[in-house]
Protein backbone atom coordinates (compact mmCIF):
# COMPACT_ATOMS: atom_id res chain seq x y z
CA MET A 1 8.76 -14.96 1.55
CA PRO A 2 8.05 -11.24 1.61
CA LYS A 3 5.10 -10.14 3.67
CA ALA A 4 3.40 -6.84 4.58
CA ILE A 5 1.69 -6.88 7.94
CA TRP A 6 -0.14 -4.07 9.80
CA ASN A 7 -2.32 -4.22 12.93
CA GLY A 8 -1.89 -7.96 13.10
CA ALA A 9 -3.15 -8.56 9.52
CA VAL A 10 -1.22 -9.93 6.59
CA ILE A 11 -1.95 -7.42 3.93
CA ALA A 12 0.35 -9.01 1.18
CA GLU A 13 2.44 -12.06 0.89
CA ALA A 14 4.24 -13.35 -2.12
CA ASP A 15 7.19 -15.61 -3.12
CA SER A 16 10.56 -13.80 -3.57
CA ASN A 17 10.52 -14.30 -7.28
CA GLU A 18 7.10 -12.60 -7.58
CA VAL A 19 8.15 -9.28 -6.12
CA GLU A 20 10.21 -6.33 -7.47
CA ILE A 21 12.64 -4.34 -5.24
CA VAL A 22 13.18 -0.80 -6.13
CA GLU A 23 15.01 1.62 -3.90
CA HIS A 24 14.66 -0.84 -0.99
CA ASN A 25 10.85 -1.03 -1.30
CA ILE A 26 9.20 -4.34 -1.98
CA TYR A 27 6.45 -4.02 -4.68
CA PHE A 28 3.97 -6.87 -4.49
CA PRO A 29 1.98 -8.04 -7.51
CA PRO A 30 -1.76 -6.95 -7.13
CA ALA A 31 -2.91 -10.48 -7.05
CA ARG A 32 -0.83 -11.20 -3.92
CA VAL A 33 -2.34 -8.21 -1.99
CA ASN A 34 -5.55 -8.66 0.05
CA LYS A 35 -7.57 -5.80 -1.40
CA ASP A 36 -10.10 -6.14 1.50
CA TYR A 37 -7.63 -4.08 3.45
CA LEU A 38 -7.14 -1.37 0.88
CA GLN A 39 -9.17 1.79 0.54
CA ALA A 40 -8.64 4.18 -2.32
CA SER A 41 -7.05 7.51 -1.41
CA GLN A 42 -7.04 10.74 -3.33
CA HIS A 43 -3.39 11.39 -2.46
CA THR A 44 -0.63 11.33 -5.18
CA THR A 45 3.04 12.08 -5.29
CA LEU A 46 5.41 12.64 -8.10
CA CYS A 47 8.80 10.84 -8.48
CA PRO A 48 11.09 12.26 -11.13
CA TRP A 49 12.01 8.89 -12.62
CA LYS A 50 9.07 6.72 -11.81
CA GLY A 51 6.07 9.05 -12.37
CA VAL A 52 2.90 9.68 -10.37
CA ALA A 53 2.16 7.39 -7.54
CA SER A 54 -1.32 6.78 -6.37
CA TYR A 55 -2.16 5.70 -2.73
CA TYR A 56 -4.29 3.37 -0.70
CA ASN A 57 -5.28 3.68 2.99
CA VAL A 58 -4.63 0.46 4.94
CA VAL A 59 -7.73 -0.45 6.94
CA VAL A 60 -7.69 -3.31 9.50
CA ASP A 61 -10.36 -3.79 12.19
CA GLY A 62 -11.62 -0.27 11.74
CA LYS A 63 -8.20 1.44 12.19
CA VAL A 64 -6.99 3.49 9.25
CA ASN A 65 -3.38 3.97 8.24
CA ALA A 66 -3.77 6.78 5.80
CA ASN A 67 -1.73 6.61 2.46
CA ALA A 68 0.18 3.52 3.71
CA ALA A 69 0.33 1.85 0.32
CA TRP A 70 1.27 3.13 -3.02
CA TYR A 71 1.45 2.07 -6.74
CA TYR A 72 2.19 3.44 -10.08
CA PRO A 73 -0.68 3.01 -12.49
CA ALA A 74 1.00 4.61 -15.34
CA PRO A 75 4.82 4.68 -14.52
CA LYS A 76 7.43 6.07 -16.84
CA ASP A 77 9.28 3.57 -19.08
CA ALA A 78 12.23 3.20 -16.57
CA ALA A 79 9.87 2.01 -13.94
CA ASN A 80 7.60 -0.15 -16.02
CA ASN A 81 8.53 -3.27 -14.04
CA ILE A 82 6.55 -1.93 -11.01
CA LYS A 83 3.38 -1.06 -12.99
CA ASP A 84 0.33 -1.55 -10.66
CA ARG A 85 2.51 -3.28 -8.07
CA ILE A 86 1.88 -2.18 -4.48
CA ALA A 87 4.41 -1.21 -1.94
CA PHE A 88 3.96 -0.18 1.77
CA TRP A 89 5.28 2.16 4.46
CA HIS A 90 3.91 4.28 7.34
CA GLY A 91 4.35 1.56 9.96
CA VAL A 92 3.36 -1.43 7.80
CA GLU A 93 5.98 -4.09 8.54
CA VAL A 94 7.46 -5.38 5.38
CA GLN A 95 9.40 -8.63 5.86
CA HIS A 96 11.83 -9.88 3.30
């Protein structure tokens, strides 16, 4: 069961058949992510084939991991399978 953990908290957890894996990143469905740990960020990046990614800061027990989660609110057609799904990096441990 894939999980995303940071600072001792489980940020996301889903069954294997609920996630999408793209470029070795696990994208969790929004309903399987604990939004209490996410804080909107103004940061964005551009992927040539997926589109513009928006970011969240991950916040646990007052500690902030800036831009440690990202998602594609309006992906290009080739990446439509990850629309609004959330992936993690920057020290967030993602278990398969």
